Protein backbone atom coordinates (compact mmCIF):
# COMPACT_ATOMS: atom_id res chain seq x y z
CA MET A 1 62.41 20.66 19.89
CA SER A 2 62.02 16.88 20.00
CA SER A 3 63.38 14.74 17.19
CA VAL A 4 60.78 12.03 17.89
CA ALA A 5 57.75 12.26 15.61
CA PRO A 6 54.42 12.25 17.46
CA LEU A 7 52.47 9.04 17.24
CA GLY A 8 49.31 10.71 16.01
CA ARG A 9 46.03 8.87 16.36
CA GLY A 10 44.75 5.48 15.48
CA PRO A 11 46.28 2.02 15.57
CA LYS A 12 49.84 3.20 16.31
CA VAL A 13 48.74 5.05 19.43
CA ARG A 14 46.60 2.14 20.56
CA ALA A 15 49.45 -0.33 20.09
CA ALA A 16 51.96 1.93 21.86
CA VAL A 17 49.65 2.49 24.84
CA LEU A 18 48.78 -1.20 25.19
CA ALA A 19 52.44 -2.22 25.00
CA ALA A 20 53.32 0.45 27.56
CA ALA A 21 50.54 -0.81 29.84
CA VAL A 22 51.95 -4.36 29.75
CA ASP A 23 55.44 -3.00 30.43
CA GLU A 24 54.11 -0.97 33.35
CA LEU A 25 52.35 -4.03 34.79
CA SER A 26 55.49 -6.08 34.32
CA GLU A 27 57.67 -3.61 36.20
CA HIS A 28 55.32 -2.27 38.86
CA GLY A 29 52.38 -4.67 39.19
CA TYR A 30 48.69 -3.98 39.40
CA ALA A 31 48.67 -2.02 42.67
CA ALA A 32 51.23 0.56 41.49
CA PHE A 33 49.94 0.78 37.90
CA THR A 34 49.16 4.37 36.83
CA VAL A 35 47.79 5.83 33.63
CA ASP A 36 50.30 8.68 33.94
CA ASN A 37 53.21 6.23 33.77
CA VAL A 38 51.65 4.42 30.83
CA ALA A 39 51.16 7.67 28.93
CA GLN A 40 54.75 8.69 29.60
CA ARG A 41 56.05 5.28 28.41
CA ALA A 42 53.91 5.46 25.27
CA GLY A 43 54.92 9.04 24.50
CA VAL A 44 51.37 10.40 24.60
CA HIS A 45 49.45 12.76 26.85
CA LYS A 46 47.36 11.10 29.55
CA THR A 47 44.18 12.64 28.07
CA THR A 48 44.88 10.58 24.94
CA VAL A 49 44.82 7.46 27.09
CA TYR A 50 41.71 8.49 29.04
CA ARG A 51 39.89 9.30 25.79
CA ARG A 52 40.11 5.64 24.78
CA TRP A 53 40.08 4.00 28.22
CA PRO A 54 37.94 5.81 30.83
CA ASP A 55 39.76 4.18 33.72
CA ARG A 56 42.84 2.13 34.41
CA ASP A 57 40.98 -1.16 34.69
CA ASP A 58 39.58 -0.77 31.18
CA LEU A 59 43.10 -0.11 29.95
CA ILE A 60 44.51 -3.10 31.84
CA ALA A 61 41.79 -5.42 30.50
CA ASP A 62 42.50 -4.32 26.91
CA ALA A 63 46.26 -4.61 27.40
CA LEU A 64 45.92 -8.14 28.76
CA ALA A 65 43.60 -9.21 25.95
CA ASP A 66 45.95 -7.71 23.35
CA SER A 67 48.98 -9.44 24.85
CA VAL A 68 47.28 -12.82 24.98
CA ALA A 69 45.91 -12.50 21.44
CA ALA A 70 49.24 -11.42 19.97
CA GLU A 71 51.40 -13.96 21.71
CA ILE A 72 49.16 -17.03 21.65
CA PRO A 73 48.06 -17.40 18.01
CA ILE A 74 45.41 -19.93 17.09
CA PRO A 75 47.02 -22.56 14.84
CA ASP A 76 45.48 -24.24 11.80
CA THR A 77 48.00 -26.86 10.65
CA GLY A 78 45.48 -29.37 9.33
CA SER A 79 46.25 -31.82 12.15
CA ILE A 80 44.70 -31.76 15.63
CA GLU A 81 47.86 -33.15 17.21
CA ASP A 82 50.00 -30.44 15.59
CA ASP A 83 47.44 -27.74 16.43
CA LEU A 84 47.31 -28.74 20.10
CA ARG A 85 51.09 -28.94 20.33
CA ALA A 86 51.47 -25.51 18.65
CA LEU A 87 48.84 -23.97 20.91
CA ALA A 88 50.47 -25.42 24.02
CA ARG A 89 53.94 -24.30 22.92
CA SER A 90 52.67 -20.77 22.28
CA LEU A 91 51.13 -20.72 25.74
CA VAL A 92 54.40 -21.88 27.31
CA ALA A 93 56.38 -19.26 25.39
CA TRP A 94 53.94 -16.55 26.48
CA ILE A 95 53.97 -17.65 30.14
CA SER A 96 57.77 -17.48 30.02
CA SER A 97 57.81 -13.98 28.48
CA PRO A 98 57.85 -10.71 30.45
CA SER A 99 54.33 -9.84 29.28
CA GLY A 100 53.02 -13.29 30.19
CA ARG A 101 54.55 -13.10 33.66
CA ALA A 102 53.04 -9.62 34.08
CA VAL A 103 49.59 -10.77 33.05
CA LEU A 104 49.70 -13.77 35.36
CA ALA A 105 50.90 -11.60 38.25
CA VAL A 106 47.92 -9.32 37.71
CA MET A 107 45.54 -12.27 37.63
CA LEU A 108 46.98 -13.57 40.91
CA ALA A 109 47.15 -10.21 42.68
CA ASN A 110 44.41 -10.91 45.21
CA ALA A 111 45.92 -14.30 46.08
CA THR A 112 48.96 -12.43 47.41
CA GLY A 113 46.92 -9.89 49.36
CA GLN A 114 47.34 -7.12 46.82
CA PRO A 115 44.42 -5.17 45.36
CA ALA A 116 42.69 -7.40 42.84
CA PRO A 117 41.91 -6.42 39.27
CA PRO A 118 38.27 -6.48 38.20
CA ALA A 119 36.74 -9.68 36.89
CA SER A 120 36.78 -8.16 33.38
CA THR A 121 40.51 -8.88 33.18
CA ARG A 122 39.69 -12.60 33.11
CA HIS A 123 37.96 -11.96 29.79
CA ALA A 124 41.32 -12.21 28.02
CA PHE A 125 41.61 -15.86 29.01
CA ARG A 126 37.99 -16.75 28.30
CA ASP A 127 38.28 -15.05 24.91
CA ARG A 128 41.42 -16.99 23.99
CA ILE A 129 39.72 -20.29 24.90
CA ARG A 130 36.70 -19.28 22.82
CA LYS A 131 38.91 -18.41 19.86
CA ALA A 132 40.75 -21.74 20.15
CA LEU A 133 37.52 -23.79 19.89
CA PRO A 134 37.67 -23.98 16.07
CA VAL A 135 40.88 -26.01 16.41
CA VAL A 136 38.73 -28.81 17.85
CA THR A 137 35.74 -28.16 15.58
CA ARG A 138 37.93 -28.47 12.49
CA ALA A 139 39.37 -31.74 13.82
CA VAL A 140 35.86 -33.14 14.26
CA GLU A 141 34.98 -32.06 10.70
CA ARG A 142 38.13 -33.78 9.38
CA GLY A 143 37.20 -36.96 11.26
CA GLU A 144 40.20 -36.81 13.60
CA LEU A 145 37.97 -36.57 16.67
CA ALA A 146 34.56 -38.04 17.40
CA ALA A 147 31.45 -36.02 16.70
CA GLY A 148 30.21 -34.46 19.91
CA THR A 149 33.68 -33.77 21.29
CA ASN A 150 33.36 -30.78 23.60
CA PRO A 151 35.86 -28.21 22.28
CA ALA A 152 35.97 -26.09 25.46
CA GLU A 153 36.71 -29.04 27.71
CA LEU A 154 39.47 -30.28 25.43
CA ILE A 155 41.15 -26.87 25.30
CA LYS A 156 40.84 -26.43 29.08
CA THR A 157 42.42 -29.86 29.55
CA LEU A 158 45.26 -28.81 27.26
CA VAL A 159 46.10 -25.62 29.16
CA ALA A 160 45.40 -26.81 32.72
CA PRO A 161 48.66 -28.73 33.33
CA ILE A 162 50.69 -25.82 31.96
CA TYR A 163 49.00 -23.29 34.23
CA PHE A 164 49.21 -25.71 37.17
CA ARG A 165 52.99 -25.98 36.84
CA ALA A 166 53.50 -22.28 36.18
CA LEU A 167 51.16 -20.95 38.88
CA ILE A 168 50.65 -23.56 41.58
CA THR A 169 53.82 -25.63 41.82
CA ARG A 170 55.96 -22.83 40.34
CA GLU A 171 57.84 -25.24 38.11
CA SER A 172 59.48 -24.03 34.94
CA VAL A 173 57.60 -24.84 31.75
CA ASP A 174 59.10 -25.55 28.35
CA ASP A 175 58.33 -27.29 25.08
CA SER A 176 58.40 -30.71 26.76
CA THR A 177 55.71 -29.48 29.18
CA ALA A 178 53.67 -28.27 26.21
CA ASP A 179 54.13 -31.52 24.29
CA ALA A 180 53.09 -33.59 27.32
CA ALA A 181 49.97 -31.45 27.83
CA ALA A 182 49.06 -31.87 24.16
CA ALA A 183 49.57 -35.65 24.37
CA VAL A 184 47.39 -35.92 27.48
CA ALA A 185 44.61 -33.81 25.95
CA MET A 186 44.79 -35.81 22.73
CA ALA A 187 44.67 -39.17 24.56
CA ALA A 188 41.65 -38.02 26.58
CA ALA A 189 39.90 -36.80 23.44
CA ARG A 190 40.50 -40.08 21.62
CA ALA A 191 39.24 -41.98 24.68
CA GLY A 192 35.95 -40.08 24.42
CA VAL A 193 36.36 -38.21 27.69
CA PHE A 194 35.02 -34.99 26.12
CA GLY A 195 32.00 -36.54 24.38
């Protein structure tokens, strides 16, 4: 008889399965990812997983979105400079974490000749950009940025140098990388580049 209490149903099971999926991706990558291994890691039967996620790609997409949402919170400090810096620092911390590295490896799978995940996995990144747009909108409302500033372009400019270093040049990223990205995005916004 096991001394571990069953997870039951609901949010605890969902959280356990999504965390197990990220761990599985981190250790084995997209090509070797299996629902059986995720179920075993989460301590649930594989039918429990399949009931919520009909196939592995649905599970992977949800796990990626959950990881990004949990580890890259959307700040609201009352200052656009502080918000951009906090957002960039969260992104750097996530990229440097095991789950961030796993997610990025999945996103780059086809670039290395491995089987590629479906386009739906990119939704996690688009969704995080969409959820960060109010950071810019609030700054416009406070008068910190000019009316007509394009929130999506500003946020993409913020994250681009971080992703470039992490993915293309394979440089390490840290808080100074985040702070520089925030300063560049802020300077461009003040110069009216995103108007």
